[in-house]
Amino acid sequence: MDRLLSHIPARLRNRYAATALGLLCWIIFFDRSDAWTTFKNRRELGRMEEQREFYVREIARTKEQLVELGSDKELLEKFARERYLMKRDNEDIFVLVPEKKDRQATRTDSN
């Protein structure tokens, strides 16, 4: 037993130091709010704060648009026509969608 204790530094043979070291390891690795969980939570908090700022800006922009649409009937009609494809009774609407090229088709054509 004395041989085993002789290999351990004197500071760690002290039971208070060993208890403090064990408690520190428990807190860092095994506790409910260990180091890894704390790191993940802080990173998630940063992302959520960025999202909050984005949504605050979007809400302000949407409120401005709502005030503009409520005050100008021509702008309201333009918004409805562009966004929701609304039309008058005597007109037709044609929606032009750009065609996407298929890369596989171009590769087989060139072979």
Protein backbone atom coordinates (compact mmCIF):
# COMPACT_ATOMS: atom_id res chain seq x y z
CA MET A 1 0.00 0.00 0.00
CA ASP A 2 2.85 2.35 0.83
CA ARG A 3 4.41 1.69 -2.56
CA LEU A 4 1.19 2.67 -4.30
CA LEU A 5 0.86 5.85 -2.26
CA SER A 6 4.48 6.79 -2.92
CA HIS A 7 3.73 7.12 -6.65
CA ILE A 8 0.91 9.61 -6.03
CA PRO A 9 2.06 13.22 -5.53
CA ALA A 10 1.76 14.54 -2.00
CA ARG A 11 -0.82 17.15 -2.95
CA LEU A 12 -3.20 14.49 -4.27
CA ARG A 13 -2.74 12.28 -1.21
CA ASN A 14 -4.44 14.98 0.80
CA ARG A 15 -8.07 13.88 1.11
CA TYR A 16 -9.38 17.42 0.72
CA ALA A 17 -7.50 17.92 -2.53
CA ALA A 18 -8.66 14.53 -3.82
CA THR A 19 -12.27 15.37 -2.90
CA ALA A 20 -12.01 18.77 -4.60
CA LEU A 21 -10.48 17.17 -7.72
CA GLY A 22 -13.21 14.52 -7.81
CA LEU A 23 -15.92 17.15 -7.39
CA LEU A 24 -14.39 19.28 -10.15
CA CYS A 25 -14.30 16.29 -12.52
CA TRP A 26 -17.90 15.46 -11.66
CA ILE A 27 -19.03 19.03 -12.40
CA ILE A 28 -17.11 19.26 -15.68
CA PHE A 29 -18.03 15.87 -17.15
CA PHE A 30 -21.05 14.30 -15.46
CA ASP A 31 -23.24 17.05 -14.00
CA ARG A 32 -26.53 18.05 -15.61
CA SER A 33 -24.98 21.29 -16.83
CA ASP A 34 -21.56 19.94 -17.78
CA ALA A 35 -19.06 21.77 -19.97
CA TRP A 36 -20.33 20.32 -23.28
CA THR A 37 -23.98 21.13 -22.50
CA THR A 38 -23.05 24.65 -21.47
CA PHE A 39 -21.14 25.14 -24.72
CA LYS A 40 -24.08 23.87 -26.81
CA ASN A 41 -26.54 26.05 -24.90
CA ARG A 42 -24.46 29.18 -25.42
CA ARG A 43 -24.16 28.46 -29.13
CA GLU A 44 -27.93 27.91 -29.36
CA LEU A 45 -28.53 31.15 -27.46
CA GLY A 46 -26.39 33.04 -29.98
CA ARG A 47 -28.39 31.58 -32.88
CA MET A 48 -31.67 32.42 -31.19
CA GLU A 49 -30.59 36.02 -30.56
CA GLU A 50 -29.72 36.39 -34.25
CA GLN A 51 -33.12 34.96 -35.19
CA ARG A 52 -34.82 37.35 -32.79
CA GLU A 53 -33.10 40.34 -34.38
CA PHE A 54 -34.11 39.11 -37.84
CA TYR A 55 -37.74 38.69 -36.83
CA VAL A 56 -37.84 42.09 -35.13
CA ARG A 57 -36.61 43.69 -38.38
CA GLU A 58 -39.12 41.70 -40.43
CA ILE A 59 -42.00 42.71 -38.14
CA ALA A 60 -41.01 46.38 -38.43
CA ARG A 61 -40.82 46.10 -42.23
CA THR A 62 -44.18 44.34 -42.39
CA LYS A 63 -45.82 46.99 -40.19
CA GLU A 64 -44.50 49.71 -42.51
CA GLN A 65 -45.92 47.87 -45.52
CA LEU A 66 -49.25 47.46 -43.75
CA VAL A 67 -49.48 51.19 -43.05
CA GLU A 68 -48.59 51.97 -46.68
CA LEU A 69 -51.16 49.52 -48.02
CA GLY A 70 -53.86 50.89 -45.72
CA SER A 71 -53.28 54.46 -46.86
CA ASP A 72 -52.93 54.05 -50.65
CA LYS A 73 -55.59 52.17 -52.66
CA GLU A 74 -53.45 52.00 -55.82
CA LEU A 75 -50.60 50.46 -53.90
CA LEU A 76 -53.02 47.96 -52.35
CA GLU A 77 -54.25 46.95 -55.81
CA LYS A 78 -50.67 46.61 -57.09
CA PHE A 79 -49.75 44.46 -54.10
CA ALA A 80 -52.78 42.19 -54.58
CA ARG A 81 -52.12 41.81 -58.29
CA GLU A 82 -48.43 40.97 -57.88
CA ARG A 83 -48.53 38.86 -54.76
CA TYR A 84 -51.82 37.00 -55.07
CA LEU A 85 -52.28 37.15 -58.86
CA MET A 86 -55.64 38.88 -58.50
CA LYS A 87 -57.19 40.33 -61.63
CA ARG A 88 -60.02 42.44 -62.87
CA ASP A 89 -63.07 40.86 -64.49
CA ASN A 90 -62.15 41.77 -68.06
CA GLU A 91 -58.50 40.68 -68.13
CA ASP A 92 -56.39 37.52 -68.22
CA ILE A 93 -53.14 36.85 -66.38
CA PHE A 94 -50.23 34.93 -67.83
CA VAL A 95 -47.52 33.77 -65.45
CA LEU A 96 -44.19 33.10 -67.11
CA VAL A 97 -41.96 30.69 -65.22
CA PRO A 98 -38.34 30.36 -66.39
CA GLU A 99 -37.50 26.87 -67.60
CA LYS A 100 -34.85 24.98 -65.66
CA LYS A 101 -32.33 23.09 -67.73
CA ASP A 102 -31.79 19.50 -66.77
CA ARG A 103 -28.09 18.68 -66.56
CA GLN A 104 -28.68 14.99 -67.24
CA ALA A 105 -30.47 15.78 -70.49
CA THR A 106 -27.63 18.01 -71.70
CA ARG A 107 -25.05 15.36 -70.85
CA THR A 108 -26.88 12.62 -72.76
CA ASP A 109 -27.39 14.94 -75.74
CA SER A 110 -23.67 15.68 -75.98
CA ASN A 111 -22.64 11.98 -75.76
